[in-house]
């Protein structure tokens, strides 16, 4: 009887231990093979191509249209020839700026990864690398947010309202915060 209880306790402990080991597997498992550990291939491609990656949500979800989506919705928004041309210029400028900064960010992330991989990281090198990466992240986000800020001025209030509707935003007063000045 005593052996049966001891065996049961050992079996239960073994099962719990095995489940515990399995439950602690990192969600990062498999990512150690990435060329840059901190960036997925999709993130890397998005940075290199100047894609938005949701970096302008503060603008987009508060009624500031984005040039890429305005171009996608050009027919529904009834853009004038001038609005379309200026939006295309705005988008191209934003994308070029973001992609250039994205290339620099990917390179800084690669360097940071290499410092850890080569075991040559120091506190000073870490602080310097993080400062550069943070600055680049802010500049990339700024490029996207600035484009939204400029885009809202290219559209009429009616187009801005229609944009929000077409994008499926149901928040109160999507045009809140706009200056009301529109250049055509």
N, C-alpha and C. Protein backbone atom coordinates (compact mmCIF):
# COMPACT_ATOMS: atom_id res chain seq x y z
N UNK A 1 0.82 -1.18 0.00
CA UNK A 1 0.00 0.00 0.00
C UNK A 1 0.87 1.25 0.00
N UNK A 2 1.91 1.21 0.88
CA UNK A 2 2.80 2.34 1.00
C UNK A 2 3.54 2.56 -0.33
N UNK A 3 3.97 1.44 -0.96
CA UNK A 3 4.67 1.54 -2.23
C UNK A 3 3.75 2.11 -3.31
N UNK A 4 2.49 1.76 -3.26
CA UNK A 4 1.50 2.24 -4.23
C UNK A 4 1.34 3.75 -4.12
N UNK A 5 1.28 4.26 -2.89
CA UNK A 5 1.13 5.70 -2.68
C UNK A 5 2.38 6.43 -3.16
N UNK A 6 3.55 5.90 -2.81
CA UNK A 6 4.81 6.51 -3.23
C UNK A 6 4.89 6.51 -4.75
N UNK A 7 4.53 5.41 -5.38
CA UNK A 7 4.57 5.32 -6.83
C UNK A 7 3.60 6.31 -7.47
N UNK A 8 2.44 6.47 -6.88
CA UNK A 8 1.45 7.41 -7.39
C UNK A 8 1.96 8.84 -7.28
N UNK A 9 2.59 9.16 -6.14
CA UNK A 9 3.13 10.51 -5.95
C UNK A 9 4.24 10.77 -6.96
N UNK A 10 5.11 9.80 -7.15
CA UNK A 10 6.20 9.95 -8.11
C UNK A 10 5.64 10.11 -9.52
N UNK A 11 4.66 9.33 -9.88
CA UNK A 11 4.04 9.41 -11.21
C UNK A 11 3.38 10.77 -11.40
N UNK A 12 2.66 11.25 -10.39
CA UNK A 12 1.99 12.55 -10.48
C UNK A 12 3.02 13.66 -10.61
N UNK A 13 4.09 13.58 -9.82
CA UNK A 13 5.14 14.59 -9.87
C UNK A 13 5.80 14.59 -11.25
N UNK A 14 6.06 13.41 -11.79
CA UNK A 14 6.69 13.29 -13.11
C UNK A 14 5.82 13.91 -14.18
N UNK A 15 4.52 13.67 -14.11
CA UNK A 15 3.60 14.24 -15.08
C UNK A 15 3.58 15.76 -14.97
N UNK A 16 3.50 16.26 -13.75
CA UNK A 16 3.47 17.70 -13.53
C UNK A 16 4.76 18.34 -14.02
N UNK A 17 5.89 17.68 -13.75
CA UNK A 17 7.18 18.19 -14.19
C UNK A 17 7.24 18.24 -15.71
N UNK A 18 6.79 17.16 -16.37
CA UNK A 18 6.81 17.10 -17.83
C UNK A 18 5.92 18.19 -18.42
N UNK A 19 4.74 18.39 -17.87
CA UNK A 19 3.83 19.43 -18.35
C UNK A 19 4.46 20.80 -18.11
N UNK A 20 5.08 20.99 -16.98
CA UNK A 20 5.73 22.25 -16.66
C UNK A 20 6.84 22.57 -17.64
N UNK A 21 7.62 21.58 -18.01
CA UNK A 21 8.70 21.77 -18.97
C UNK A 21 8.13 22.18 -20.31
N UNK A 22 7.09 21.49 -20.74
CA UNK A 22 6.48 21.81 -22.02
C UNK A 22 5.84 23.20 -22.00
N UNK A 23 5.25 23.57 -20.89
CA UNK A 23 4.56 24.85 -20.78
C UNK A 23 5.52 26.03 -20.77
N UNK A 24 6.80 25.80 -20.47
CA UNK A 24 7.75 26.90 -20.40
C UNK A 24 8.49 27.13 -21.70
N UNK A 25 8.15 26.39 -22.74
CA UNK A 25 8.81 26.62 -24.03
C UNK A 25 8.55 28.06 -24.45
N UNK A 26 9.56 28.72 -24.90
CA UNK A 26 9.47 30.14 -25.25
C UNK A 26 8.64 30.36 -26.51
N UNK A 27 7.87 31.43 -26.53
CA UNK A 27 7.15 31.77 -27.77
C UNK A 27 8.14 32.20 -28.86
N UNK A 28 9.40 32.42 -28.49
CA UNK A 28 10.43 32.79 -29.46
C UNK A 28 11.10 31.58 -30.10
N UNK A 29 10.76 30.38 -29.65
CA UNK A 29 11.39 29.17 -30.19
C UNK A 29 11.26 29.17 -31.70
N UNK A 30 12.36 28.93 -32.38
CA UNK A 30 12.40 28.92 -33.83
C UNK A 30 12.89 30.23 -34.41
N UNK A 31 12.84 31.29 -33.64
CA UNK A 31 13.27 32.59 -34.13
C UNK A 31 14.79 32.79 -34.03
N UNK A 32 15.45 31.86 -33.34
CA UNK A 32 16.90 31.99 -33.18
C UNK A 32 17.64 31.83 -34.50
N UNK A 33 16.96 31.34 -35.54
CA UNK A 33 17.58 31.16 -36.85
C UNK A 33 17.47 32.41 -37.73
N UNK A 34 16.74 33.42 -37.26
CA UNK A 34 16.60 34.65 -38.04
C UNK A 34 17.95 35.32 -38.23
N UNK A 35 18.12 36.01 -39.36
CA UNK A 35 19.38 36.72 -39.57
C UNK A 35 19.49 37.92 -38.62
N UNK A 36 18.36 38.57 -38.33
CA UNK A 36 18.30 39.62 -37.31
C UNK A 36 17.24 39.15 -36.33
N UNK A 37 17.66 38.77 -35.17
CA UNK A 37 16.76 38.12 -34.21
C UNK A 37 15.54 38.97 -33.83
N UNK A 38 15.71 40.28 -33.72
CA UNK A 38 14.63 41.15 -33.25
C UNK A 38 13.61 41.49 -34.33
N UNK A 39 13.92 41.17 -35.59
CA UNK A 39 13.01 41.52 -36.69
C UNK A 39 12.59 40.28 -37.46
N UNK A 40 11.29 40.14 -37.66
CA UNK A 40 10.80 39.07 -38.52
C UNK A 40 11.13 39.43 -39.97
N UNK A 41 11.13 38.46 -40.86
CA UNK A 41 11.34 38.79 -42.28
C UNK A 41 10.30 39.80 -42.78
N UNK A 42 9.07 39.70 -42.29
CA UNK A 42 8.02 40.63 -42.70
C UNK A 42 8.31 42.05 -42.20
N UNK A 43 8.77 42.16 -40.94
CA UNK A 43 9.13 43.47 -40.39
C UNK A 43 10.28 44.07 -41.19
N UNK A 44 11.28 43.26 -41.48
CA UNK A 44 12.44 43.74 -42.24
C UNK A 44 12.00 44.27 -43.59
N UNK A 45 11.19 43.51 -44.30
CA UNK A 45 10.70 43.93 -45.62
C UNK A 45 9.89 45.21 -45.52
N UNK A 46 9.05 45.32 -44.50
CA UNK A 46 8.23 46.52 -44.33
C UNK A 46 9.10 47.75 -44.09
N UNK A 47 10.12 47.61 -43.25
CA UNK A 47 11.03 48.74 -43.02
C UNK A 47 11.78 49.12 -44.29
N UNK A 48 12.27 48.13 -45.00
CA UNK A 48 13.05 48.39 -46.21
C UNK A 48 12.22 49.03 -47.32
N UNK A 49 10.93 48.74 -47.36
CA UNK A 49 10.08 49.28 -48.41
C UNK A 49 9.30 50.52 -47.99
N UNK A 50 9.44 50.93 -46.72
CA UNK A 50 8.77 52.15 -46.27
C UNK A 50 7.30 51.98 -45.96
N UNK A 51 6.87 50.75 -45.70
CA UNK A 51 5.45 50.50 -45.39
C UNK A 51 5.09 51.08 -44.02
N UNK A 52 3.80 51.30 -43.82
CA UNK A 52 3.30 51.96 -42.62
C UNK A 52 3.36 51.15 -41.34
N UNK A 53 3.10 49.86 -41.39
CA UNK A 53 3.19 48.98 -40.23
C UNK A 53 2.34 49.43 -39.04
N UNK A 54 1.31 50.22 -39.30
CA UNK A 54 0.47 50.70 -38.19
C UNK A 54 1.09 51.83 -37.40
N UNK A 55 2.17 52.40 -37.90
CA UNK A 55 2.88 53.44 -37.15
C UNK A 55 2.12 54.76 -37.09
N UNK A 56 1.12 54.92 -37.96
CA UNK A 56 0.38 56.19 -38.00
C UNK A 56 -1.04 56.04 -37.45
N UNK A 57 -1.28 55.04 -36.61
CA UNK A 57 -2.62 54.84 -36.07
C UNK A 57 -3.14 56.05 -35.31
N UNK A 58 -2.27 56.76 -34.63
CA UNK A 58 -2.71 57.95 -33.89
C UNK A 58 -3.37 58.95 -34.84
N UNK A 59 -2.87 59.05 -36.04
CA UNK A 59 -3.47 59.94 -37.04
C UNK A 59 -4.67 59.27 -37.71
N UNK A 60 -4.45 58.11 -38.24
CA UNK A 60 -5.48 57.38 -39.00
C UNK A 60 -6.78 57.23 -38.22
N UNK A 61 -6.68 56.84 -36.97
CA UNK A 61 -7.88 56.56 -36.18
C UNK A 61 -8.48 57.80 -35.53
N UNK A 62 -7.86 58.94 -35.77
CA UNK A 62 -8.40 60.21 -35.28
C UNK A 62 -8.79 61.12 -36.44
N UNK A 63 -9.01 60.54 -37.61
CA UNK A 63 -9.56 61.31 -38.72
C UNK A 63 -8.56 61.95 -39.65
N UNK A 64 -7.31 61.54 -39.61
CA UNK A 64 -6.30 62.07 -40.52
C UNK A 64 -5.97 61.01 -41.55
N UNK A 65 -6.48 61.21 -42.75
CA UNK A 65 -6.33 60.24 -43.83
C UNK A 65 -4.87 60.02 -44.20
N UNK A 66 -4.58 58.79 -44.64
CA UNK A 66 -3.25 58.46 -45.09
C UNK A 66 -3.18 58.44 -46.60
N UNK A 67 -2.08 58.89 -47.19
CA UNK A 67 -1.99 58.99 -48.64
C UNK A 67 -2.13 57.65 -49.37
N UNK A 68 -1.60 56.58 -48.83
CA UNK A 68 -1.72 55.28 -49.52
C UNK A 68 -3.19 54.89 -49.64
N UNK A 69 -3.94 55.06 -48.57
CA UNK A 69 -5.35 54.67 -48.59
C UNK A 69 -6.19 55.67 -49.40
N UNK A 70 -5.80 56.93 -49.39
CA UNK A 70 -6.51 57.91 -50.21
C UNK A 70 -6.36 57.53 -51.68
N UNK A 71 -5.16 57.12 -52.07
CA UNK A 71 -4.96 56.70 -53.46
C UNK A 71 -5.78 55.45 -53.79
N UNK A 72 -5.87 54.52 -52.84
CA UNK A 72 -6.70 53.32 -53.05
C UNK A 72 -8.17 53.69 -53.22
N UNK A 73 -8.59 54.74 -52.55
CA UNK A 73 -10.00 55.15 -52.55
C UNK A 73 -10.24 56.37 -53.45
N UNK A 74 -9.32 56.66 -54.35
CA UNK A 74 -9.38 57.88 -55.16
C UNK A 74 -10.71 58.04 -55.89
N UNK A 75 -11.21 56.99 -56.49
CA UNK A 75 -12.47 57.09 -57.25
C UNK A 75 -13.64 57.38 -56.31
N UNK A 76 -13.72 56.64 -55.20
CA UNK A 76 -14.83 56.85 -54.25
C UNK A 76 -14.78 58.24 -53.63
N UNK A 77 -13.57 58.77 -53.45
CA UNK A 77 -13.42 60.10 -52.85
C UNK A 77 -13.56 61.22 -53.88
N UNK A 78 -13.66 60.85 -55.16
CA UNK A 78 -13.77 61.82 -56.26
C UNK A 78 -12.62 62.83 -56.22
N UNK A 79 -11.41 62.31 -56.12
CA UNK A 79 -10.24 63.20 -56.09
C UNK A 79 -10.15 63.97 -57.39
N UNK A 80 -9.75 65.23 -57.28
CA UNK A 80 -9.49 66.00 -58.48
C UNK A 80 -8.13 65.55 -59.03
N UNK A 81 -7.83 65.97 -60.25
CA UNK A 81 -6.53 65.65 -60.85
C UNK A 81 -5.42 66.19 -59.97
N UNK A 82 -5.60 67.42 -59.48
CA UNK A 82 -4.58 68.03 -58.62
C UNK A 82 -4.44 67.28 -57.30
N UNK A 83 -5.55 66.91 -56.69
CA UNK A 83 -5.50 66.17 -55.42
C UNK A 83 -4.78 64.84 -55.60
N UNK A 84 -5.10 64.15 -56.68
CA UNK A 84 -4.44 62.86 -56.94
C UNK A 84 -2.93 63.06 -57.13
N UNK A 85 -2.55 64.05 -57.91
CA UNK A 85 -1.13 64.30 -58.17
C UNK A 85 -0.39 64.66 -56.89
N UNK A 86 -0.98 65.54 -56.09
CA UNK A 86 -0.34 65.95 -54.85
C UNK A 86 -0.28 64.80 -53.84
N UNK A 87 -1.32 63.96 -53.83
CA UNK A 87 -1.32 62.80 -52.94
C UNK A 87 -0.26 61.80 -53.38
N UNK A 88 -0.11 61.60 -54.69
CA UNK A 88 0.93 60.71 -55.19
C UNK A 88 2.31 61.21 -54.82
N UNK A 89 2.52 62.53 -54.94
CA UNK A 89 3.80 63.13 -54.55
C UNK A 89 4.05 62.95 -53.05
N UNK A 90 3.02 63.19 -52.27
CA UNK A 90 3.13 63.04 -50.82
C UNK A 90 3.46 61.60 -50.45
N UNK A 91 2.77 60.65 -51.07
CA UNK A 91 3.03 59.24 -50.79
C UNK A 91 4.45 58.85 -51.18
N UNK A 92 4.88 59.25 -52.38
CA UNK A 92 6.23 58.91 -52.85
C UNK A 92 7.30 59.49 -51.93
N UNK A 93 7.10 60.72 -51.51
CA UNK A 93 8.06 61.37 -50.61
C UNK A 93 8.12 60.65 -49.27
N UNK A 94 6.93 60.36 -48.71
CA UNK A 94 6.87 59.65 -47.42
C UNK A 94 7.52 58.28 -47.51
N UNK A 95 7.19 57.56 -48.56
CA UNK A 95 7.71 56.21 -48.71
C UNK A 95 9.24 56.21 -48.88
N UNK A 96 9.74 57.15 -49.67
CA UNK A 96 11.20 57.25 -49.86
C UNK A 96 11.90 57.58 -48.55
N UNK A 97 11.34 58.53 -47.81
CA UNK A 97 11.94 58.91 -46.53
C UNK A 97 11.90 57.74 -45.55
N UNK A 98 10.74 57.09 -45.45
CA UNK A 98 10.59 55.97 -44.51
C UNK A 98 11.48 54.80 -44.91
N UNK A 99 11.61 54.53 -46.20
CA UNK A 99 12.44 53.41 -46.65
C UNK A 99 13.93 53.68 -46.37
N UNK A 100 14.36 54.91 -46.60
CA UNK A 100 15.76 55.26 -46.29
C UNK A 100 16.07 55.10 -44.81
N UNK A 101 15.15 55.60 -43.99
CA UNK A 101 15.31 55.44 -42.55
C UNK A 101 15.19 53.97 -42.15
N UNK A 102 14.31 53.25 -42.82
CA UNK A 102 14.13 51.82 -42.55
C UNK A 102 15.39 51.02 -42.83
N UNK A 103 16.07 51.37 -43.93
CA UNK A 103 17.34 50.69 -44.23
C UNK A 103 18.35 50.92 -43.11
N UNK A 104 18.42 52.15 -42.64
CA UNK A 104 19.34 52.47 -41.54
C UNK A 104 18.94 51.71 -40.27
N UNK A 105 17.65 51.63 -39.99
CA UNK A 105 17.18 50.91 -38.80
C UNK A 105 17.51 49.42 -38.89
N UNK A 106 17.27 48.82 -40.03
CA UNK A 106 17.58 47.39 -40.20
C UNK A 106 19.08 47.16 -40.00
N UNK A 107 19.90 48.05 -40.52
CA UNK A 107 21.35 47.91 -40.35
C UNK A 107 21.74 48.05 -38.88
N UNK A 108 21.15 49.01 -38.16
CA UNK A 108 21.46 49.16 -36.73
C UNK A 108 21.01 47.93 -35.94
N UNK A 109 19.86 47.36 -36.29
CA UNK A 109 19.39 46.14 -35.63
C UNK A 109 20.33 44.98 -35.93
N UNK A 110 20.82 44.92 -37.16
CA UNK A 110 21.78 43.87 -37.54
C UNK A 110 23.06 44.00 -36.71
N UNK A 111 23.52 45.23 -36.55
CA UNK A 111 24.73 45.47 -35.76
C UNK A 111 24.52 45.11 -34.29
N UNK A 112 23.36 45.46 -33.74
CA UNK A 112 23.06 45.11 -32.35
C UNK A 112 23.03 43.59 -32.19
N UNK A 113 22.38 42.92 -33.12
CA UNK A 113 22.32 41.46 -33.09
C UNK A 113 23.74 40.88 -33.12
N UNK A 114 24.58 41.43 -33.97
CA UNK A 114 25.95 40.92 -34.10
C UNK A 114 26.76 41.17 -32.82
N UNK A 115 26.52 42.27 -32.14
CA UNK A 115 27.22 42.53 -30.88
C UNK A 115 26.89 41.46 -29.84
N UNK A 116 25.62 41.07 -29.80
CA UNK A 116 25.24 40.00 -28.87
C UNK A 116 25.77 38.65 -29.35
N UNK A 117 25.65 38.37 -30.65
CA UNK A 117 26.10 37.09 -31.19
C UNK A 117 27.60 36.87 -30.99
N UNK A 118 28.37 37.95 -31.13
CA UNK A 118 29.83 37.85 -30.98
C UNK A 118 30.29 38.00 -29.54
N UNK A 119 29.32 38.24 -28.64
CA UNK A 119 29.61 38.42 -27.22
C UNK A 119 30.52 39.61 -26.97
N UNK A 120 30.43 40.63 -27.83
CA UNK A 120 31.25 41.84 -27.67
C UNK A 120 30.42 43.03 -27.18
N UNK A 121 29.20 42.79 -26.79
CA UNK A 121 28.33 43.85 -26.29
C UNK A 121 28.84 44.35 -24.94
N UNK A 122 28.74 45.64 -24.73
CA UNK A 122 29.06 46.26 -23.43
C UNK A 122 27.89 47.17 -23.08
N UNK A 123 27.87 47.65 -21.87
CA UNK A 123 26.80 48.56 -21.46
C UNK A 123 26.81 49.83 -22.32
N UNK A 124 27.99 50.36 -22.58
CA UNK A 124 28.09 51.58 -23.38
C UNK A 124 27.65 51.34 -24.82
N UNK A 125 28.09 50.24 -25.39
CA UNK A 125 27.70 49.93 -26.77
C UNK A 125 26.20 49.68 -26.87
N UNK A 126 25.64 49.04 -25.86
CA UNK A 126 24.21 48.79 -25.84
C UNK A 126 23.45 50.11 -25.79
N UNK A 127 23.85 51.00 -24.89
CA UNK A 127 23.17 52.29 -24.77
C UNK A 127 23.24 53.08 -26.07
N UNK A 128 24.38 53.07 -26.71
CA UNK A 128 24.56 53.79 -27.96
C UNK A 128 23.68 53.18 -29.07
N UNK A 129 23.69 51.87 -29.19
CA UNK A 129 22.90 51.19 -30.22
C UNK A 129 21.41 51.45 -30.01
N UNK A 130 20.96 51.35 -28.77
CA UNK A 130 19.54 51.58 -28.48
C UNK A 130 19.12 53.02 -28.76
N UNK A 131 19.99 53.95 -28.47
CA UNK A 131 19.70 55.35 -28.75
C UNK A 131 19.53 55.58 -30.25
N UNK A 132 20.42 55.01 -31.04
CA UNK A 132 20.33 55.14 -32.50
C UNK A 132 19.06 54.48 -33.03
N UNK A 133 18.75 53.29 -32.55
CA UNK A 133 17.55 52.57 -33.00
C UNK A 133 16.29 53.34 -32.63
N UNK A 134 16.23 53.84 -31.41
CA UNK A 134 15.06 54.60 -30.96
C UNK A 134 14.87 55.86 -31.80
N UNK A 135 15.95 56.54 -32.10
CA UNK A 135 15.87 57.74 -32.92
C UNK A 135 15.34 57.41 -34.31
N UNK A 136 15.84 56.34 -34.90
CA UNK A 136 15.37 55.93 -36.23
C UNK A 136 13.91 55.51 -36.20
N UNK A 137 13.50 54.79 -35.16
CA UNK A 137 12.09 54.41 -35.03
C UNK A 137 11.20 55.64 -34.97
N UNK A 138 11.61 56.63 -34.20
CA UNK A 138 10.83 57.86 -34.08
C UNK A 138 10.77 58.61 -35.41
N UNK A 139 11.88 58.64 -36.13
CA UNK A 139 11.90 59.33 -37.42
C UNK A 139 11.01 58.62 -38.45
N UNK A 140 11.02 57.30 -38.43
CA UNK A 140 10.17 56.54 -39.35
C UNK A 140 8.70 56.81 -39.03
N UNK A 141 8.36 56.73 -37.77
CA UNK A 141 6.98 56.99 -37.37
C UNK A 141 6.59 58.42 -37.73
N UNK A 142 7.51 59.34 -37.50
CA UNK A 142 7.26 60.73 -37.85
C UNK A 142 6.99 60.93 -39.33
N UNK A 143 7.73 60.23 -40.18
CA UNK A 143 7.52 60.34 -41.62
C UNK A 143 6.09 59.94 -41.98
N UNK A 144 5.60 58.88 -41.37
CA UNK A 144 4.24 58.42 -41.66
C UNK A 144 3.20 59.38 -41.07
N UNK A 145 3.40 59.83 -39.85
CA UNK A 145 2.45 60.75 -39.22
C UNK A 145 2.41 62.10 -39.94
N UNK A 146 3.57 62.59 -40.35
CA UNK A 146 3.62 63.86 -41.09
C UNK A 146 2.85 63.77 -42.39
N UNK A 147 2.91 62.61 -43.05
CA UNK A 147 2.17 62.42 -44.31
C UNK A 147 0.66 62.49 -44.06
N UNK A 148 0.20 61.91 -42.97
CA UNK A 148 -1.22 61.99 -42.63
C UNK A 148 -1.62 63.44 -42.35
N UNK A 149 -0.76 64.15 -41.65
CA UNK A 149 -1.04 65.54 -41.33
C UNK A 149 -1.13 66.38 -42.61
N UNK A 150 -0.25 66.13 -43.55
CA UNK A 150 -0.30 66.86 -44.83
C UNK A 150 -1.49 66.42 -45.67
N UNK A 151 -1.82 65.14 -45.65
CA UNK A 151 -2.89 64.62 -46.49
C UNK A 151 -4.24 65.22 -46.14
N UNK A 152 -4.52 65.38 -44.87
CA UNK A 152 -5.82 65.90 -44.46
C UNK A 152 -6.05 67.31 -45.02
N UNK A 153 -4.99 68.04 -45.24
CA UNK A 153 -5.10 69.38 -45.80
C UNK A 153 -5.37 69.36 -47.30
N UNK A 154 -5.12 68.25 -47.94
CA UNK A 154 -5.36 68.13 -49.38
C UNK A 154 -6.80 67.76 -49.71
N UNK A 155 -7.54 67.30 -48.71
CA UNK A 155 -8.91 66.87 -48.92
C UNK A 155 -9.90 67.89 -48.37
N UNK A 156 -11.10 67.87 -48.91
CA UNK A 156 -12.16 68.72 -48.37
C UNK A 156 -12.70 68.06 -47.10
N UNK A 157 -13.41 68.81 -46.27
CA UNK A 157 -14.02 68.19 -45.09
C UNK A 157 -14.93 67.02 -45.46
N UNK A 158 -15.65 67.15 -46.57
CA UNK A 158 -16.53 66.07 -47.01
C UNK A 158 -15.73 64.82 -47.40
N UNK A 159 -14.62 65.02 -48.09
CA UNK A 159 -13.78 63.89 -48.47
C UNK A 159 -13.17 63.22 -47.24
N UNK A 160 -12.76 64.03 -46.27
CA UNK A 160 -12.21 63.45 -45.04
C UNK A 160 -13.26 62.63 -44.31
N UNK A 161 -14.48 63.13 -44.26
CA UNK A 161 -15.57 62.38 -43.60
C UNK A 161 -15.87 61.10 -44.37
N UNK A 162 -15.91 61.19 -45.69
CA UNK A 162 -16.18 60.01 -46.51
C UNK A 162 -15.05 58.99 -46.37
N UNK A 163 -13.82 59.46 -46.30
CA UNK A 163 -12.67 58.57 -46.10
C UNK A 163 -12.87 57.74 -44.83
N UNK A 164 -13.20 58.41 -43.74
CA UNK A 164 -13.40 57.71 -42.47
C UNK A 164 -14.51 56.67 -42.61
N UNK A 165 -15.57 57.04 -43.29
CA UNK A 165 -16.69 56.11 -43.49
C UNK A 165 -16.26 54.92 -44.34
N UNK A 166 -15.56 55.18 -45.43
CA UNK A 166 -15.11 54.11 -46.33
C UNK A 166 -14.13 53.16 -45.64
N UNK A 167 -13.37 53.69 -44.70
CA UNK A 167 -12.39 52.88 -43.97
C UNK A 167 -13.03 52.13 -42.81
N UNK A 168 -14.32 52.42 -42.55
CA UNK A 168 -15.04 51.69 -41.52
C UNK A 168 -14.89 52.23 -40.12
N UNK A 169 -14.47 53.50 -40.00
CA UNK A 169 -14.30 54.08 -38.68
C UNK A 169 -15.62 54.68 -38.23
N UNK A 170 -16.03 54.31 -37.04
CA UNK A 170 -17.32 54.76 -36.54
C UNK A 170 -17.19 55.66 -35.34
N UNK A 171 -15.97 56.08 -35.02
CA UNK A 171 -15.75 56.94 -33.85
C UNK A 171 -16.44 58.28 -34.01
N UNK A 172 -16.64 58.95 -32.90
CA UNK A 172 -17.30 60.25 -32.93
C UNK A 172 -16.40 61.29 -33.60
N UNK A 173 -17.00 62.10 -34.43
CA UNK A 173 -16.37 63.24 -35.10
C UNK A 173 -14.96 62.93 -35.60
N UNK A 174 -14.87 62.22 -36.70
CA UNK A 174 -13.58 61.85 -37.28
C UNK A 174 -12.77 63.07 -37.73
N UNK A 175 -13.40 64.20 -37.88
CA UNK A 175 -12.67 65.39 -38.32
C UNK A 175 -12.20 66.25 -37.17
N UNK A 176 -12.39 65.79 -35.95
CA UNK A 176 -11.94 66.53 -34.76
C UNK A 176 -10.44 66.82 -34.90
N UNK A 177 -10.07 68.02 -34.59
CA UNK A 177 -8.65 68.37 -34.59
C UNK A 177 -8.16 68.94 -35.91
N UNK A 178 -8.94 68.90 -36.97
CA UNK A 178 -8.48 69.45 -38.24
C UNK A 178 -8.62 70.96 -38.21
N UNK A 179 -7.72 71.62 -38.88
CA UNK A 179 -7.73 73.07 -38.85
C UNK A 179 -8.83 73.68 -39.71
N UNK A 180 -9.33 72.90 -40.64
CA UNK A 180 -10.36 73.41 -41.53
C UNK A 180 -9.79 74.09 -42.75
N UNK A 181 -8.47 74.28 -42.80
CA UNK A 181 -7.83 74.89 -43.96
C UNK A 181 -7.55 73.78 -44.98
N UNK A 182 -7.98 74.00 -46.19
CA UNK A 182 -7.75 73.00 -47.23
C UNK A 182 -7.16 73.72 -48.44
N UNK A 183 -6.09 73.17 -48.95
CA UNK A 183 -5.39 73.76 -50.09
C UNK A 183 -5.72 72.92 -51.33
N UNK A 184 -6.18 73.53 -52.35
CA UNK A 184 -6.47 72.82 -53.60
C UNK A 184 -5.82 73.51 -54.75
